[in-house]
Amino acid sequence: MKNIIFTYLIFILFIANIFAQSENVPPHRTCGTVEYMKQLMQKYPYLREKMKKQERIRAEWIKNYNKERKNCKDMESFK
């Protein structure tokens, strides 16, 4: 009796899995971030330039931070 119940349970799980996979789901997951950014840039034309400016500021900070960090390491070698 337990064997029949176990077989029936496996069969139900198998059928449920088939139906779960056959819904109208794209073959890969999409999050929509790119589409949303395109919409924002169309709505706010200045956004692209503002993002580029922020990226330049970050790049400059990283460059300066690395220089300062290298200088600190050089100073430690004199101790």
N, C-alpha and C. Protein backbone atom coordinates (compact mmCIF):
# COMPACT_ATOMS: atom_id res chain seq x y z
N MET A 1 0.81 -1.19 0.00
CA MET A 1 0.00 0.00 0.00
C MET A 1 0.87 1.27 0.00
N LYS A 2 1.93 1.28 0.82
CA LYS A 2 2.83 2.43 0.86
C LYS A 2 3.50 2.64 -0.49
N ASN A 3 3.81 1.54 -1.16
CA ASN A 3 4.46 1.63 -2.46
C ASN A 3 3.54 2.30 -3.48
N ILE A 4 2.26 2.01 -3.44
CA ILE A 4 1.30 2.60 -4.38
C ILE A 4 1.14 4.09 -4.10
N ILE A 5 1.06 4.47 -2.83
CA ILE A 5 0.94 5.89 -2.46
C ILE A 5 2.18 6.65 -2.89
N PHE A 6 3.35 6.09 -2.65
CA PHE A 6 4.61 6.73 -3.05
C PHE A 6 4.65 6.93 -4.57
N THR A 7 4.28 5.91 -5.33
CA THR A 7 4.27 6.00 -6.79
C THR A 7 3.29 7.07 -7.25
N TYR A 8 2.11 7.11 -6.65
CA TYR A 8 1.10 8.10 -6.99
C TYR A 8 1.61 9.51 -6.69
N LEU A 9 2.27 9.70 -5.56
CA LEU A 9 2.82 11.00 -5.18
C LEU A 9 3.89 11.46 -6.18
N ILE A 10 4.77 10.56 -6.56
CA ILE A 10 5.81 10.89 -7.55
C ILE A 10 5.16 11.28 -8.88
N PHE A 11 4.14 10.57 -9.29
CA PHE A 11 3.43 10.86 -10.54
C PHE A 11 2.81 12.26 -10.49
N ILE A 12 2.16 12.60 -9.37
CA ILE A 12 1.53 13.92 -9.23
C ILE A 12 2.59 15.02 -9.27
N LEU A 13 3.69 14.82 -8.59
CA LEU A 13 4.76 15.82 -8.61
C LEU A 13 5.34 16.00 -10.01
N PHE A 14 5.48 14.90 -10.74
CA PHE A 14 5.99 14.97 -12.10
C PHE A 14 5.05 15.76 -13.00
N ILE A 15 3.75 15.48 -12.92
CA ILE A 15 2.76 16.19 -13.73
C ILE A 15 2.71 17.67 -13.34
N ALA A 16 2.77 17.97 -12.05
CA ALA A 16 2.76 19.37 -11.60
C ALA A 16 3.97 20.11 -12.13
N ASN A 17 5.12 19.47 -12.18
CA ASN A 17 6.33 20.09 -12.69
C ASN A 17 6.19 20.40 -14.18
N ILE A 18 5.59 19.50 -14.92
CA ILE A 18 5.40 19.74 -16.36
C ILE A 18 4.52 20.96 -16.57
N PHE A 19 3.42 21.08 -15.84
CA PHE A 19 2.54 22.23 -16.00
C PHE A 19 3.18 23.52 -15.51
N ALA A 20 3.98 23.44 -14.49
CA ALA A 20 4.65 24.64 -13.98
C ALA A 20 5.63 25.19 -15.00
N GLN A 21 6.28 24.33 -15.76
CA GLN A 21 7.27 24.76 -16.74
C GLN A 21 6.64 25.23 -18.05
N SER A 22 5.36 24.95 -18.28
CA SER A 22 4.77 25.25 -19.58
C SER A 22 3.99 26.56 -19.60
N GLU A 23 4.06 27.37 -18.55
CA GLU A 23 3.37 28.64 -18.54
C GLU A 23 4.02 29.58 -19.54
N ASN A 24 3.41 30.72 -19.78
CA ASN A 24 3.95 31.71 -20.72
C ASN A 24 5.08 32.48 -20.06
N VAL A 25 6.18 31.82 -19.88
CA VAL A 25 7.36 32.41 -19.26
C VAL A 25 8.45 32.48 -20.32
N PRO A 26 9.14 33.63 -20.41
CA PRO A 26 10.23 33.69 -21.38
C PRO A 26 11.31 32.67 -21.05
N PRO A 27 12.08 32.22 -22.05
CA PRO A 27 13.11 31.21 -21.79
C PRO A 27 14.23 31.69 -20.88
N HIS A 28 14.36 32.99 -20.70
CA HIS A 28 15.37 33.53 -19.79
C HIS A 28 14.73 34.64 -18.96
N ARG A 29 15.30 34.90 -17.84
CA ARG A 29 14.75 35.91 -16.94
C ARG A 29 15.13 37.30 -17.44
N THR A 30 14.18 38.21 -17.43
CA THR A 30 14.45 39.59 -17.80
C THR A 30 14.02 40.49 -16.66
N CYS A 31 14.81 41.50 -16.39
CA CYS A 31 14.49 42.37 -15.27
C CYS A 31 13.95 43.72 -15.72
N GLY A 32 14.23 44.15 -16.94
CA GLY A 32 13.68 45.40 -17.44
C GLY A 32 14.49 46.63 -17.11
N THR A 33 15.67 46.47 -16.55
CA THR A 33 16.47 47.64 -16.17
C THR A 33 16.87 48.47 -17.39
N VAL A 34 17.30 47.81 -18.44
CA VAL A 34 17.73 48.53 -19.64
C VAL A 34 16.57 49.31 -20.25
N GLU A 35 15.40 48.67 -20.32
CA GLU A 35 14.24 49.34 -20.89
C GLU A 35 13.85 50.55 -20.04
N TYR A 36 13.92 50.38 -18.72
CA TYR A 36 13.57 51.48 -17.82
C TYR A 36 14.55 52.65 -17.98
N MET A 37 15.85 52.35 -18.09
CA MET A 37 16.84 53.42 -18.30
C MET A 37 16.59 54.15 -19.61
N LYS A 38 16.22 53.41 -20.66
CA LYS A 38 15.91 54.06 -21.95
C LYS A 38 14.72 55.00 -21.80
N GLN A 39 13.70 54.56 -21.05
CA GLN A 39 12.54 55.42 -20.83
C GLN A 39 12.93 56.68 -20.07
N LEU A 40 13.75 56.52 -19.04
CA LEU A 40 14.19 57.68 -18.26
C LEU A 40 14.99 58.65 -19.12
N MET A 41 15.84 58.13 -19.97
CA MET A 41 16.66 59.01 -20.81
C MET A 41 15.83 59.72 -21.87
N GLN A 42 14.76 59.09 -22.31
CA GLN A 42 13.85 59.77 -23.24
C GLN A 42 13.07 60.86 -22.52
N LYS A 43 12.66 60.57 -21.30
CA LYS A 43 11.87 61.52 -20.53
C LYS A 43 12.73 62.69 -20.04
N TYR A 44 13.97 62.40 -19.65
CA TYR A 44 14.89 63.40 -19.12
C TYR A 44 16.16 63.39 -19.97
N PRO A 45 16.20 64.21 -21.04
CA PRO A 45 17.36 64.18 -21.96
C PRO A 45 18.70 64.51 -21.30
N TYR A 46 18.69 65.28 -20.22
CA TYR A 46 19.92 65.66 -19.54
C TYR A 46 20.50 64.52 -18.69
N LEU A 47 19.75 63.44 -18.51
CA LEU A 47 20.17 62.35 -17.63
C LEU A 47 21.46 61.69 -18.11
N ARG A 48 21.60 61.48 -19.41
CA ARG A 48 22.80 60.82 -19.93
C ARG A 48 24.06 61.62 -19.59
N GLU A 49 23.99 62.94 -19.78
CA GLU A 49 25.16 63.77 -19.48
C GLU A 49 25.44 63.80 -17.98
N LYS A 50 24.39 63.81 -17.18
CA LYS A 50 24.56 63.80 -15.73
C LYS A 50 25.23 62.50 -15.28
N MET A 51 24.83 61.38 -15.88
CA MET A 51 25.44 60.10 -15.53
C MET A 51 26.90 60.05 -15.95
N LYS A 52 27.22 60.61 -17.11
CA LYS A 52 28.62 60.66 -17.57
C LYS A 52 29.46 61.51 -16.62
N LYS A 53 28.89 62.63 -16.17
CA LYS A 53 29.61 63.50 -15.25
C LYS A 53 29.90 62.77 -13.95
N GLN A 54 28.91 62.06 -13.42
CA GLN A 54 29.12 61.30 -12.19
C GLN A 54 30.18 60.22 -12.37
N GLU A 55 30.19 59.59 -13.53
CA GLU A 55 31.19 58.55 -13.80
C GLU A 55 32.60 59.15 -13.85
N ARG A 56 32.74 60.35 -14.44
CA ARG A 56 34.04 61.02 -14.46
C ARG A 56 34.50 61.36 -13.04
N ILE A 57 33.56 61.81 -12.21
CA ILE A 57 33.90 62.15 -10.82
C ILE A 57 34.37 60.89 -10.08
N ARG A 58 33.66 59.79 -10.27
CA ARG A 58 34.07 58.54 -9.61
C ARG A 58 35.43 58.07 -10.10
N ALA A 59 35.65 58.15 -11.41
CA ALA A 59 36.93 57.71 -11.97
C ALA A 59 38.08 58.56 -11.42
N GLU A 60 37.86 59.85 -11.30
CA GLU A 60 38.89 60.74 -10.76
C GLU A 60 39.15 60.41 -9.28
N TRP A 61 38.09 60.14 -8.52
CA TRP A 61 38.26 59.79 -7.12
C TRP A 61 39.05 58.50 -6.97
N ILE A 62 38.73 57.51 -7.80
CA ILE A 62 39.44 56.23 -7.74
C ILE A 62 40.92 56.43 -8.07
N LYS A 63 41.18 57.23 -9.09
CA LYS A 63 42.57 57.49 -9.47
C LYS A 63 43.33 58.16 -8.32
N ASN A 64 42.73 59.16 -7.71
CA ASN A 64 43.38 59.86 -6.60
C ASN A 64 43.52 58.97 -5.38
N TYR A 65 42.50 58.17 -5.11
CA TYR A 65 42.55 57.27 -3.96
C TYR A 65 43.70 56.28 -4.12
N ASN A 66 43.86 55.73 -5.31
CA ASN A 66 44.95 54.78 -5.54
C ASN A 66 46.31 55.44 -5.39
N LYS A 67 46.43 56.69 -5.82
CA LYS A 67 47.70 57.41 -5.64
C LYS A 67 47.99 57.61 -4.15
N GLU A 68 46.98 58.05 -3.41
CA GLU A 68 47.17 58.27 -1.97
C GLU A 68 47.53 56.97 -1.26
N ARG A 69 46.88 55.91 -1.66
CA ARG A 69 47.14 54.61 -1.04
C ARG A 69 48.57 54.15 -1.34
N LYS A 70 49.01 54.37 -2.57
CA LYS A 70 50.38 54.00 -2.93
C LYS A 70 51.37 54.82 -2.12
N ASN A 71 51.10 56.12 -1.97
CA ASN A 71 51.98 56.98 -1.17
C ASN A 71 52.06 56.52 0.28
N CYS A 72 50.95 56.08 0.82
CA CYS A 72 50.95 55.58 2.22
C CYS A 72 51.81 54.33 2.33
N LYS A 73 51.73 53.45 1.36
CA LYS A 73 52.55 52.24 1.40
C LYS A 73 54.02 52.58 1.26
N ASP A 74 54.33 53.57 0.40
CA ASP A 74 55.72 54.00 0.26
C ASP A 74 56.25 54.57 1.56
N MET A 75 55.44 55.31 2.29
CA MET A 75 55.86 55.91 3.54
C MET A 75 56.11 54.84 4.60
N GLU A 76 55.33 53.77 4.56
CA GLU A 76 55.52 52.69 5.53
C GLU A 76 56.86 51.99 5.34
N SER A 77 57.37 51.98 4.14
CA SER A 77 58.64 51.30 3.89
C SER A 77 59.82 52.08 4.49
N PHE A 78 59.63 53.38 4.81
CA PHE A 78 60.71 54.17 5.39
C PHE A 78 60.81 53.97 6.90
N LYS A 79 59.84 53.35 7.52
CA LYS A 79 59.85 53.20 8.97
C LYS A 79 60.90 52.24 9.42
